[in-house]
C-alpha atoms as a PDB file:
ATOM      1  CA  UNK A   1      80.794  34.786 342.289  1.00  0.00           C
ATOM      2  CA  UNK A   2      78.658  35.813 345.160  1.00  0.00           C
ATOM      3  CA  UNK A   3      80.558  36.127 348.790  1.00  0.00           C
ATOM      4  CA  UNK A   4      78.617  35.516 351.513  1.00  0.00           C
ATOM      5  CA  UNK A   5      79.595  35.810 355.101  1.00  0.00           C
ATOM      6  CA  UNK A   6      77.145  33.627 357.609  1.00  0.00           C
ATOM      7  CA  UNK A   7      77.386  34.159 361.339  1.00  0.00           C
ATOM      8  CA  UNK A   8      76.595  31.175 362.974  1.00  0.00           C
ATOM      9  CA  UNK A   9      76.585  30.204 367.199  1.00  0.00           C
ATOM     10  CA  UNK A  10      73.442  30.439 369.447  1.00  0.00           C
ATOM     11  CA  UNK A  11      70.934  32.834 369.987  1.00  0.00           C
ATOM     12  CA  UNK A  12      71.360  36.375 372.141  1.00  0.00           C
ATOM     13  CA  UNK A  13      75.073  36.385 371.441  1.00  0.00           C
ATOM     14  CA  UNK A  14      75.108  39.728 369.923  1.00  0.00           C
ATOM     15  CA  UNK A  15      74.198  38.524 366.322  1.00  0.00           C
ATOM     16  CA  UNK A  16      71.602  41.199 365.513  1.00  0.00           C
ATOM     17  CA  UNK A  17      73.653  44.438 366.444  1.00  0.00           C
ATOM     18  CA  UNK A  18      76.755  42.996 364.315  1.00  0.00           C
ATOM     19  CA  UNK A  19      73.914  42.035 361.290  1.00  0.00           C
ATOM     20  CA  UNK A  20      72.450  45.374 361.523  1.00  0.00           C
ATOM     21  CA  UNK A  21      75.974  47.381 361.474  1.00  0.00           C
ATOM     22  CA  UNK A  22      77.404  45.060 358.117  1.00  0.00           C
ATOM     23  CA  UNK A  23      74.091  46.286 356.448  1.00  0.00           C
ATOM     24  CA  UNK A  24      75.089  49.719 357.243  1.00  0.00           C
ATOM     25  CA  UNK A  25      77.644  49.844 355.246  1.00  0.00           C
ATOM     26  CA  UNK A  26      77.234  51.140 351.577  1.00  0.00           C
ATOM     27  CA  UNK A  27      78.364  47.188 349.892  1.00  0.00           C
ATOM     28  CA  UNK A  28      76.917  45.116 351.984  1.00  0.00           C
ATOM     29  CA  UNK A  29      73.397  43.648 352.508  1.00  0.00           C
ATOM     30  CA  UNK A  30      72.143  41.879 355.507  1.00  0.00           C
ATOM     31  CA  UNK A  31      69.354  39.058 355.040  1.00  0.00           C
ATOM     32  CA  UNK A  32      68.990  38.561 358.773  1.00  0.00           C
ATOM     33  CA  UNK A  33      67.563  35.107 359.699  1.00  0.00           C
ATOM     34  CA  UNK A  34      67.273  33.833 355.759  1.00  0.00           C
ATOM     35  CA  UNK A  35      66.942  29.895 357.203  1.00  0.00           C
ATOM     36  CA  UNK A  36      63.487  31.453 358.304  1.00  0.00           C
ATOM     37  CA  UNK A  37      62.201  33.060 354.929  1.00  0.00           C
ATOM     38  CA  UNK A  38      59.954  30.496 354.576  1.00  0.00           C
ATOM     39  CA  UNK A  39      58.346  30.005 357.884  1.00  0.00           C
ATOM     40  CA  UNK A  40      58.773  33.328 359.811  1.00  0.00           C
ATOM     41  CA  UNK A  41      58.365  35.325 356.391  1.00  0.00           C
ATOM     42  CA  UNK A  42      55.752  34.035 354.379  1.00  0.00           C
ATOM     43  CA  UNK A  43      53.733  31.310 356.507  1.00  0.00           C
ATOM     44  CA  UNK A  44      53.761  33.398 359.466  1.00  0.00           C
ATOM     45  CA  UNK A  45      54.013  36.694 357.777  1.00  0.00           C
ATOM     46  CA  UNK A  46      56.413  38.465 360.738  1.00  0.00           C
ATOM     47  CA  UNK A  47      57.797  42.049 359.364  1.00  0.00           C
ATOM     48  CA  UNK A  48      60.659  42.755 357.342  1.00  0.00           C
ATOM     49  CA  UNK A  49      63.439  44.731 359.207  1.00  0.00           C
ATOM     50  CA  UNK A  50      61.981  47.657 357.161  1.00  0.00           C
ATOM     51  CA  UNK A  51      58.264  47.816 358.896  1.00  0.00           C
ATOM     52  CA  UNK A  52      56.347  46.061 356.354  1.00  0.00           C
ATOM     53  CA  UNK A  53      54.704  42.603 356.172  1.00  0.00           C
ATOM     54  CA  UNK A  54      57.600  40.504 354.753  1.00  0.00           C
ATOM     55  CA  UNK A  55      55.453  39.384 351.797  1.00  0.00           C
ATOM     56  CA  UNK A  56      55.374  43.367 350.505  1.00  0.00           C
ATOM     57  CA  UNK A  57      58.529  44.143 351.009  1.00  0.00           C
ATOM     58  CA  UNK A  58      59.426  45.465 347.296  1.00  0.00           C
ATOM     59  CA  UNK A  59      63.139  44.324 348.046  1.00  0.00           C
ATOM     60  CA  UNK A  60      62.247  40.696 348.923  1.00  0.00           C
ATOM     61  CA  UNK A  61      59.921  40.667 345.942  1.00  0.00           C
ATOM     62  CA  UNK A  62      61.805  41.471 343.943  1.00  0.00           C
ATOM     63  CA  UNK A  63      64.805  39.225 345.039  1.00  0.00           C
ATOM     64  CA  UNK A  64      61.878  36.133 345.078  1.00  0.00           C
ATOM     65  CA  UNK A  65      61.040  37.259 341.527  1.00  0.00           C
ATOM     66  CA  UNK A  66      64.249  36.859 340.273  1.00  0.00           C
ATOM     67  CA  UNK A  67      65.435  33.616 342.029  1.00  0.00           C
ATOM     68  CA  UNK A  68      62.285  31.690 341.046  1.00  0.00           C
ATOM     69  CA  UNK A  69      59.831  33.443 338.487  1.00  0.00           C
ATOM     70  CA  UNK A  70      56.895  32.027 338.356  1.00  0.00           C
ATOM     71  CA  UNK A  71      57.961  29.002 340.111  1.00  0.00           C
ATOM     72  CA  UNK A  72      57.859  29.814 343.881  1.00  0.00           C
ATOM     73  CA  UNK A  73      58.299  27.279 346.007  1.00  0.00           C
ATOM     74  CA  UNK A  74      55.711  25.987 348.183  1.00  0.00           C
ATOM     75  CA  UNK A  75      57.187  27.570 351.517  1.00  0.00           C
ATOM     76  CA  UNK A  76      55.538  24.353 353.798  1.00  0.00           C
ATOM     77  CA  UNK A  77      57.613  22.153 351.372  1.00  0.00           C
ATOM     78  CA  UNK A  78      60.607  23.726 351.812  1.00  0.00           C
ATOM     79  CA  UNK A  79      60.560  24.420 355.699  1.00  0.00           C
ATOM     80  CA  UNK A  80      59.814  20.231 355.329  1.00  0.00           C
ATOM     81  CA  UNK A  81      62.991  19.972 353.468  1.00  0.00           C
ATOM     82  CA  UNK A  82      64.789  21.435 356.438  1.00  0.00           C
ATOM     83  CA  UNK A  83      63.372  19.274 358.822  1.00  0.00           C
ATOM     84  CA  UNK A  84      64.777  16.493 356.630  1.00  0.00           C
ATOM     85  CA  UNK A  85      67.772  17.536 355.467  1.00  0.00           C
ATOM     86  CA  UNK A  86      69.086  20.498 357.228  1.00  0.00           C
ATOM     87  CA  UNK A  87      69.351  20.167 360.923  1.00  0.00           C
ATOM     88  CA  UNK A  88      71.761  21.155 363.206  1.00  0.00           C
ATOM     89  CA  UNK A  89      72.675  17.334 363.707  1.00  0.00           C
ATOM     90  CA  UNK A  90      73.385  17.179 360.217  1.00  0.00           C
ATOM     91  CA  UNK A  91      75.906  20.015 359.859  1.00  0.00           C
ATOM     92  CA  UNK A  92      79.276  18.123 359.329  1.00  0.00           C
ATOM     93  CA  UNK A  93      77.835  15.409 357.086  1.00  0.00           C
ATOM     94  CA  UNK A  94      75.730  18.188 354.682  1.00  0.00           C
ATOM     95  CA  UNK A  95      79.740  19.864 354.623  1.00  0.00           C
ATOM     96  CA  UNK A  96      81.368  16.798 353.273  1.00  0.00           C
ATOM     97  CA  UNK A  97      79.049  13.401 353.088  1.00  0.00           C
ATOM     98  CA  UNK A  98      76.980  12.254 350.069  1.00  0.00           C
ATOM     99  CA  UNK A  99      73.793  15.090 349.681  1.00  0.00           C
ATOM    100  CA  UNK A 100      70.552  13.086 350.046  1.00  0.00           C
ATOM    101  CA  UNK A 101      67.550  14.128 347.495  1.00  0.00           C
ATOM    102  CA  UNK A 102      66.344  16.963 349.678  1.00  0.00           C
ATOM    103  CA  UNK A 103      69.141  18.526 350.699  1.00  0.00           C
ATOM    104  CA  UNK A 104      70.221  18.775 347.085  1.00  0.00           C
ATOM    105  CA  UNK A 105      66.607  20.376 346.125  1.00  0.00           C
ATOM    106  CA  UNK A 106      66.981  22.365 349.382  1.00  0.00           C
ATOM    107  CA  UNK A 107      70.737  23.467 347.780  1.00  0.00           C
ATOM    108  CA  UNK A 108      69.144  24.220 344.513  1.00  0.00           C
ATOM    109  CA  UNK A 109      66.944  26.856 345.972  1.00  0.00           C
ATOM    110  CA  UNK A 110      69.090  28.392 348.198  1.00  0.00           C
ATOM    111  CA  UNK A 111      71.752  29.014 345.352  1.00  0.00           C
ATOM    112  CA  UNK A 112      69.011  30.277 343.614  1.00  0.00           C
ATOM    113  CA  UNK A 113      68.268  32.930 346.135  1.00  0.00           C
ATOM    114  CA  UNK A 114      71.337  34.256 347.241  1.00  0.00           C
ATOM    115  CA  UNK A 115      72.488  34.483 343.865  1.00  0.00           C
ATOM    116  CA  UNK A 116      69.026  36.714 343.708  1.00  0.00           C
ATOM    117  CA  UNK A 117      69.955  38.925 346.248  1.00  0.00           C
ATOM    118  CA  UNK A 118      73.041  39.677 344.911  1.00  0.00           C
ATOM    119  CA  UNK A 119      71.371  40.565 341.492  1.00  0.00           C
ATOM    120  CA  UNK A 120      69.067  42.789 343.186  1.00  0.00           C
ATOM    121  CA  UNK A 121      70.847  44.917 345.598  1.00  0.00           C
ATOM    122  CA  UNK A 122      74.360  44.771 343.796  1.00  0.00           C
ATOM    123  CA  UNK A 123      75.954  44.025 347.383  1.00  0.00           C
ATOM    124  CA  UNK A 124      79.831  42.818 347.374  1.00  0.00           C
ATOM    125  CA  UNK A 125      78.746  41.240 350.655  1.00  0.00           C
ATOM    126  CA  UNK A 126      75.891  39.307 351.661  1.00  0.00           C
ATOM    127  CA  UNK A 127      75.496  38.935 355.519  1.00  0.00           C
ATOM    128  CA  UNK A 128      73.264  36.020 356.845  1.00  0.00           C
ATOM    129  CA  UNK A 129      72.929  36.105 360.600  1.00  0.00           C
ATOM    130  CA  UNK A 130      70.923  32.354 360.712  1.00  0.00           C
ATOM    131  CA  UNK A 131      73.154  31.276 363.296  1.00  0.00           C
ATOM    132  CA  UNK A 132      71.702  27.689 362.271  1.00  0.00           C
ATOM    133  CA  UNK A 133      75.893  25.707 361.645  1.00  0.00           C
ATOM    134  CA  UNK A 134      73.757  23.316 359.230  1.00  0.00           C
ATOM    135  CA  UNK A 135      73.103  26.202 356.717  1.00  0.00           C
ATOM    136  CA  UNK A 136      76.995  27.543 356.863  1.00  0.00           C
ATOM    137  CA  UNK A 137      77.523  23.964 355.934  1.00  0.00           C
ATOM    138  CA  UNK A 138      76.053  23.966 352.904  1.00  0.00           C
ATOM    139  CA  UNK A 139      77.332  27.336 351.769  1.00  0.00           C
ATOM    140  CA  UNK A 140      80.161  25.203 350.989  1.00  0.00           C
ATOM    141  CA  UNK A 141      78.758  23.176 348.656  1.00  0.00           C
ATOM    142  CA  UNK A 142      77.037  26.069 346.828  1.00  0.00           C
ATOM    143  CA  UNK A 143      78.079  26.915 343.283  1.00  0.00           C
ATOM    144  CA  UNK A 144      79.071  30.403 342.555  1.00  0.00           C
ATOM    145  CA  UNK A 145      79.840  31.557 346.093  1.00  0.00           C
ATOM    146  CA  UNK A 146      82.664  32.339 348.289  1.00  0.00           C
ATOM    147  CA  UNK A 147      81.509  31.709 351.529  1.00  0.00           C
ATOM    148  CA  UNK A 148      82.903  32.830 355.297  1.00  0.00           C
ATOM    149  CA  UNK A 149      82.247  31.821 358.276  1.00  0.00           C
ATOM    150  CA  UNK A 150      81.911  34.118 361.447  1.00  0.00           C
ATOM    151  CA  UNK A 151      81.424  32.187 364.829  1.00  0.00           C
ATOM    152  CA  UNK A 152      79.948  34.438 367.470  1.00  0.00           C
ATOM    153  CA  UNK A 153      80.191  33.735 371.223  1.00  0.00           C
ATOM    154  CA  UNK A 154      78.908  35.243 374.317  1.00  0.00           C
ATOM    155  CA  UNK A 155      79.453  34.494 377.559  1.00  0.00           C
ATOM    156  CA  UNK A 156      76.769  31.754 378.827  1.00  0.00           C
ATOM    157  CA  UNK A 157      75.780  33.251 381.896  1.00  0.00           C
ATOM    158  CA  UNK A 158      74.885  36.480 379.760  1.00  0.00           C
ATOM    159  CA  UNK A 159      73.148  34.316 377.335  1.00  0.00           C
ATOM    160  CA  UNK A 160      70.952  32.741 379.888  1.00  0.00           C
ATOM    161  CA  UNK A 161      70.144  36.050 381.238  1.00  0.00           C
ATOM    162  CA  UNK A 162      69.365  37.250 378.303  1.00  0.00           C
ATOM    163  CA  UNK A 163      67.138  34.721 376.982  1.00  0.00           C
ATOM    164  CA  UNK A 164      65.140  34.548 380.665  1.00  0.00           C
ATOM    165  CA  UNK A 165      64.203  38.014 379.754  1.00  0.00           C
ATOM    166  CA  UNK A 166      63.047  37.553 376.146  1.00  0.00           C
ATOM    167  CA  UNK A 167      59.921  37.612 375.224  1.00  0.00           C
ATOM    168  CA  UNK A 168      58.754  34.341 372.833  1.00  0.00           C
ATOM    169  CA  UNK A 169      57.334  35.380 369.948  1.00  0.00           C
ATOM    170  CA  UNK A 170      54.246  36.444 368.660  1.00  0.00           C
ATOM    171  CA  UNK A 171      52.990  33.157 367.595  1.00  0.00           C
ATOM    172  CA  UNK A 172      54.354  31.396 370.977  1.00  0.00           C
ATOM    173  CA  UNK A 173      52.816  33.617 373.599  1.00  0.00           C
ATOM    174  CA  UNK A 174      51.299  32.413 376.254  1.00  0.00           C
ATOM    175  CA  UNK A 175      51.536  33.827 379.136  1.00  0.00           C
ATOM    176  CA  UNK A 176      54.872  33.240 379.451  1.00  0.00           C
ATOM    177  CA  UNK A 177      58.190  35.396 379.243  1.00  0.00           C
ATOM    178  CA  UNK A 178      60.875  32.325 379.601  1.00  0.00           C
ATOM    179  CA  UNK A 179      62.035  31.247 376.002  1.00  0.00           C
ATOM    180  CA  UNK A 180      64.803  29.123 377.523  1.00  0.00           C
ATOM    181  CA  UNK A 181      65.747  28.130 380.717  1.00  0.00           C
ATOM    182  CA  UNK A 182      69.490  28.307 381.998  1.00  0.00           C
ATOM    183  CA  UNK A 183      69.835  24.250 381.391  1.00  0.00           C
ATOM    184  CA  UNK A 184      68.457  24.444 377.804  1.00  0.00           C
ATOM    185  CA  UNK A 185      70.012  27.678 377.061  1.00  0.00           C
ATOM    186  CA  UNK A 186      72.995  26.291 378.043  1.00  0.00           C
ATOM    187  CA  UNK A 187      73.043  22.793 376.688  1.00  0.00           C
ATOM    188  CA  UNK A 188      72.405  24.854 373.666  1.00  0.00           C
ATOM    189  CA  UNK A 189      75.280  26.973 373.907  1.00  0.00           C
ATOM    190  CA  UNK A 190      77.864  24.093 374.082  1.00  0.00           C
ATOM    191  CA  UNK A 191      75.809  22.016 371.217  1.00  0.00           C
ATOM    192  CA  UNK A 192      75.702  25.100 368.657  1.00  0.00           C
ATOM    193  CA  UNK A 193      79.276  26.131 369.193  1.00  0.00           C
ATOM    194  CA  UNK A 194      80.936  22.736 369.111  1.00  0.00           C
ATOM    195  CA  UNK A 195      79.573  22.256 365.622  1.00  0.00           C
ATOM    196  CA  UNK A 196      80.344  25.683 365.111  1.00  0.00           C
ATOM    197  CA  UNK A 197      84.145  25.345 366.055  1.00  0.00           C
ATOM    198  CA  UNK A 198      84.280  21.252 364.001  1.00  0.00           C
ATOM    199  CA  UNK A 199      82.445  23.274 360.696  1.00  0.00           C
ATOM    200  CA  UNK A 200      85.838  26.045 360.498  1.00  0.00           C
ATOM    201  CA  UNK A 201      87.814  23.114 358.874  1.00  0.00           C
ATOM    202  CA  UNK A 202      85.587  23.270 355.851  1.00  0.00           C
ATOM    203  CA  UNK A 203      86.281  27.372 355.618  1.00  0.00           C
ATOM    204  CA  UNK A 204      89.934  27.247 355.121  1.00  0.00           C
ATOM    205  CA  UNK A 205      91.340  30.928 355.471  1.00  0.00           C
ATOM    206  CA  UNK A 206      88.089  32.006 355.256  1.00  0.00           C
ATOM    207  CA  UNK A 207      86.640  31.683 359.412  1.00  0.00           C
ATOM    208  CA  UNK A 208      86.962  34.142 362.434  1.00  0.00           C
ATOM    209  CA  UNK A 209      85.890  33.647 365.861  1.00  0.00           C
ATOM    210  CA  UNK A 210      84.519  36.915 367.374  1.00  0.00           C
ATOM    211  CA  UNK A 211      83.409  37.406 371.439  1.00  0.00           C
ATOM    212  CA  UNK A 212      80.723  39.721 371.796  1.00  0.00           C
ATOM    213  CA  UNK A 213      82.600  41.342 374.444  1.00  0.00           C
ATOM    214  CA  UNK A 214      85.397  41.959 372.550  1.00  0.00           C
ATOM    215  CA  UNK A 215      83.101  43.190 369.989  1.00  0.00           C
ATOM    216  CA  UNK A 216      81.320  45.774 372.276  1.00  0.00           C
ATOM    217  CA  UNK A 217      84.665  46.904 373.685  1.00  0.00           C
ATOM    218  CA  UNK A 218      85.989  47.675 369.943  1.00  0.00           C
ATOM    219  CA  UNK A 219      82.886  47.657 367.559  1.00  0.00           C
ATOM    220  CA  UNK A 220      84.181  49.276 364.606  1.00  0.00           C
ATOM    221  CA  UNK A 221      87.447  47.772 364.008  1.00  0.00           C
ATOM    222  CA  UNK A 222      85.933  44.233 364.595  1.00  0.00           C
ATOM    223  CA  UNK A 223      83.687  44.455 361.964  1.00  0.00           C
ATOM    224  CA  UNK A 224      86.404  46.052 359.281  1.00  0.00           C
ATOM    225  CA  UNK A 225      88.813  43.470 360.405  1.00  0.00           C
ATOM    226  CA  UNK A 226      85.567  40.845 359.287  1.00  0.00           C
ATOM    227  CA  UNK A 227      85.368  43.098 355.999  1.00  0.00           C
ATOM    228  CA  UNK A 228      88.883  42.715 355.483  1.00  0.00           C
ATOM    229  CA  UNK A 229      89.018  39.273 355.901  1.00  0.00           C
ATOM    230  CA  UNK A 230      86.374  38.809 352.662  1.00  0.00           C
ATOM    231  CA  UNK A 231      88.304  41.421 351.034  1.00  0.00           C
ATOM    232  CA  UNK A 232      85.259  44.177 351.298  1.00  0.00           C
ATOM    233  CA  UNK A 233      86.213  47.844 351.282  1.00  0.00           C
ATOM    234  CA  UNK A 234      84.984  49.527 354.622  1.00  0.00           C
ATOM    235  CA  UNK A 235      82.956  51.793 351.930  1.00  0.00           C
ATOM    236  CA  UNK A 236      80.858  54.828 353.616  1.00  0.00           C
ATOM    237  CA  UNK A 237      80.855  53.296 357.117  1.00  0.00           C
ATOM    238  CA  UNK A 238      78.278  53.980 359.547  1.00  0.00           C
ATOM    239  CA  UNK A 239      80.386  54.555 362.311  1.00  0.00           C
ATOM    240  CA  UNK A 240      80.712  58.055 363.861  1.00  0.00           C
ATOM    241  CA  UNK A 241      83.507  57.142 366.215  1.00  0.00           C
ATOM    242  CA  UNK A 242      85.197  53.409 367.460  1.00  0.00           C
ATOM    243  CA  UNK A 243      81.792  53.071 369.402  1.00  0.00           C
ATOM    244  CA  UNK A 244      79.305  55.261 367.957  1.00  0.00           C
ATOM    245  CA  UNK A 245      77.414  54.188 365.001  1.00  0.00           C
ATOM    246  CA  UNK A 246      74.488  55.082 362.731  1.00  0.00           C
ATOM    247  CA  UNK A 247      72.177  52.856 361.722  1.00  0.00           C
ATOM    248  CA  UNK A 248      70.670  52.553 358.077  1.00  0.00           C
ATOM    249  CA  UNK A 249      66.868  50.920 357.889  1.00  0.00           C
ATOM    250  CA  UNK A 250      67.420  47.445 357.045  1.00  0.00           C
ATOM    251  CA  UNK A 251      65.683  44.290 354.936  1.00  0.00           C
ATOM    252  CA  UNK A 252      66.381  41.544 357.680  1.00  0.00           C
ATOM    253  CA  UNK A 253      64.035  38.494 357.832  1.00  0.00           C
ATOM    254  CA  UNK A 254      63.931  37.514 361.703  1.00  0.00           C
ATOM    255  CA  UNK A 255      65.912  38.022 364.623  1.00  0.00           C
ATOM    256  CA  UNK A 256      65.982  40.019 367.606  1.00  0.00           C
ATOM    257  CA  UNK A 257      63.110  42.634 367.891  1.00  0.00           C
ATOM    258  CA  UNK A 258      66.438  45.154 368.121  1.00  0.00           C
ATOM    259  CA  UNK A 259      66.660  44.557 364.432  1.00  0.00           C
ATOM    260  CA  UNK A 260      64.193  47.351 364.042  1.00  0.00           C
ATOM    261  CA  UNK A 261      66.116  50.082 365.377  1.00  0.00           C
ATOM    262  CA  UNK A 262      67.897  52.591 363.136  1.00  0.00           C
ATOM    263  CA  UNK A 263      69.591  56.107 363.698  1.00  0.00           C
ATOM    264  CA  UNK A 264      72.220  56.677 365.630  1.00  0.00           C
ATOM    265  CA  UNK A 265      73.362  54.469 368.793  1.00  0.00           C
ATOM    266  CA  UNK A 266      75.877  53.898 370.936  1.00  0.00           C
ATOM    267  CA  UNK A 267      77.761  50.292 371.433  1.00  0.00           C
ATOM    268  CA  UNK A 268      78.340  48.862 374.321  1.00  0.00           C
ATOM    269  CA  UNK A 269      78.387  45.772 376.360  1.00  0.00           C
ATOM    270  CA  UNK A 270      74.746  44.692 377.845  1.00  0.00           C
ATOM    271  CA  UNK A 271      76.624  43.214 381.570  1.00  0.00           C
ATOM    272  CA  UNK A 272      73.484  43.637 383.606  1.00  0.00           C
ATOM    273  CA  UNK A 273      73.500  39.577 384.015  1.00  0.00           C
ATOM    274  CA  UNK A 274      76.056  40.718 386.855  1.00  0.00           C
ATOM    275  CA  UNK A 275      74.242  42.285 388.628  1.00  0.00           C
ATOM    276  CA  UNK A 276      70.893  40.920 388.179  1.00  0.00           C
ATOM    277  CA  UNK A 277      71.433  36.940 387.814  1.00  0.00           C
ATOM    278  CA  UNK A 278      70.457  34.722 390.802  1.00  0.00           C
ATOM    279  CA  UNK A 279      72.864  32.622 392.091  1.00  0.00           C
ATOM    280  CA  UNK A 280      71.100  29.400 390.711  1.00  0.00           C
ATOM    281  CA  UNK A 281      71.052  30.556 387.269  1.00  0.00           C
ATOM    282  CA  UNK A 282      74.330  31.936 387.498  1.00  0.00           C
ATOM    283  CA  UNK A 283      75.530  28.137 388.856  1.00  0.00           C
ATOM    284  CA  UNK A 284      73.707  26.270 386.736  1.00  0.00           C
ATOM    285  CA  UNK A 285      75.281  27.975 383.180  1.00  0.00           C
ATOM    286  CA  UNK A 286      78.771  27.864 384.689  1.00  0.00           C
ATOM    287  CA  UNK A 287      78.701  24.422 385.579  1.00  0.00           C
ATOM    288  CA  UNK A 288      77.373  23.185 382.381  1.00  0.00           C
ATOM    289  CA  UNK A 289      79.629  25.166 380.108  1.00  0.00           C
ATOM    290  CA  UNK A 290      82.660  24.838 382.594  1.00  0.00           C
ATOM    291  CA  UNK A 291      84.390  22.604 379.732  1.00  0.00           C
ATOM    292  CA  UNK A 292      84.421  25.483 377.190  1.00  0.00           C
ATOM    293  CA  UNK A 293      84.534  28.561 379.760  1.00  0.00           C
ATOM    294  CA  UNK A 294      88.404  28.848 379.875  1.00  0.00           C
ATOM    295  CA  UNK A 295      88.570  27.669 376.151  1.00  0.00           C
ATOM    296  CA  UNK A 296      86.850  31.286 375.055  1.00  0.00           C
ATOM    297  CA  UNK A 297      88.355  33.148 377.530  1.00  0.00           C
ATOM    298  CA  UNK A 298      85.622  33.763 380.067  1.00  0.00           C
ATOM    299  CA  UNK A 299      86.694  33.335 383.965  1.00  0.00           C
ATOM    300  CA  UNK A 300      84.974  30.574 385.839  1.00  0.00           C
ATOM    301  CA  UNK A 301      83.782  33.038 388.969  1.00  0.00           C
ATOM    302  CA  UNK A 302      82.672  36.535 387.862  1.00  0.00           C
END
């Protein structure tokens, strides 16, 4: 049986650093955003976390060869399947409804892929930080796997500030540095978190919620509690102390550019938004997210 921990939520919520820390345990392999293997990895040709173009990474060559042999799926076709049947709005149906032919085909492709990752890496736990809740829902239908769900959350005002500061990916650069404006970011935050929260019922006893702020305050304790949930020993852990971690190189497919960082780093909360964010964006995020702020332990006034 292949154990898979799927990280779901909205972008800029700390998933990349969490993913990289998991990967630095001896018996864990992090894929990065496996959902985007076909588009960002194979079609666009982004770099693997190890620094080489994805198609030239020896680890992923071995994984794809093990999974598909000489019958490699057409990346454009897999992306089309995602757009047809694995959209966020399909999440609940993928967990408990009748699967369409496109969803069945996609399920078979990803079943082969996850099993090949386990076979090639020998990891006790595979971590997938795709964040797309529909991908998590499909795991509950996947034979030969034991899926776990990590719902990551961050204060929506910090998230919108991070998106405002983010540079767009190379293939979308047009002179703008704004990827998500506060209204868009916060609406995505609401939708992703609501859908992910509803999905936890499909992971009985195998799900956890982690706020970025709590993780940043106690990173080692947070990560090792999640490993314990998955029944994985924290073998040869990367922590120098509770807040300092020695990141090893990874083979993540996509994610925040910080995925390329390795070596010793201090984990601390990025709270620059508190001093840098203007009133307008902060008010917008606060007003839109108000129904969920207290639910997740965030104050209205900051």
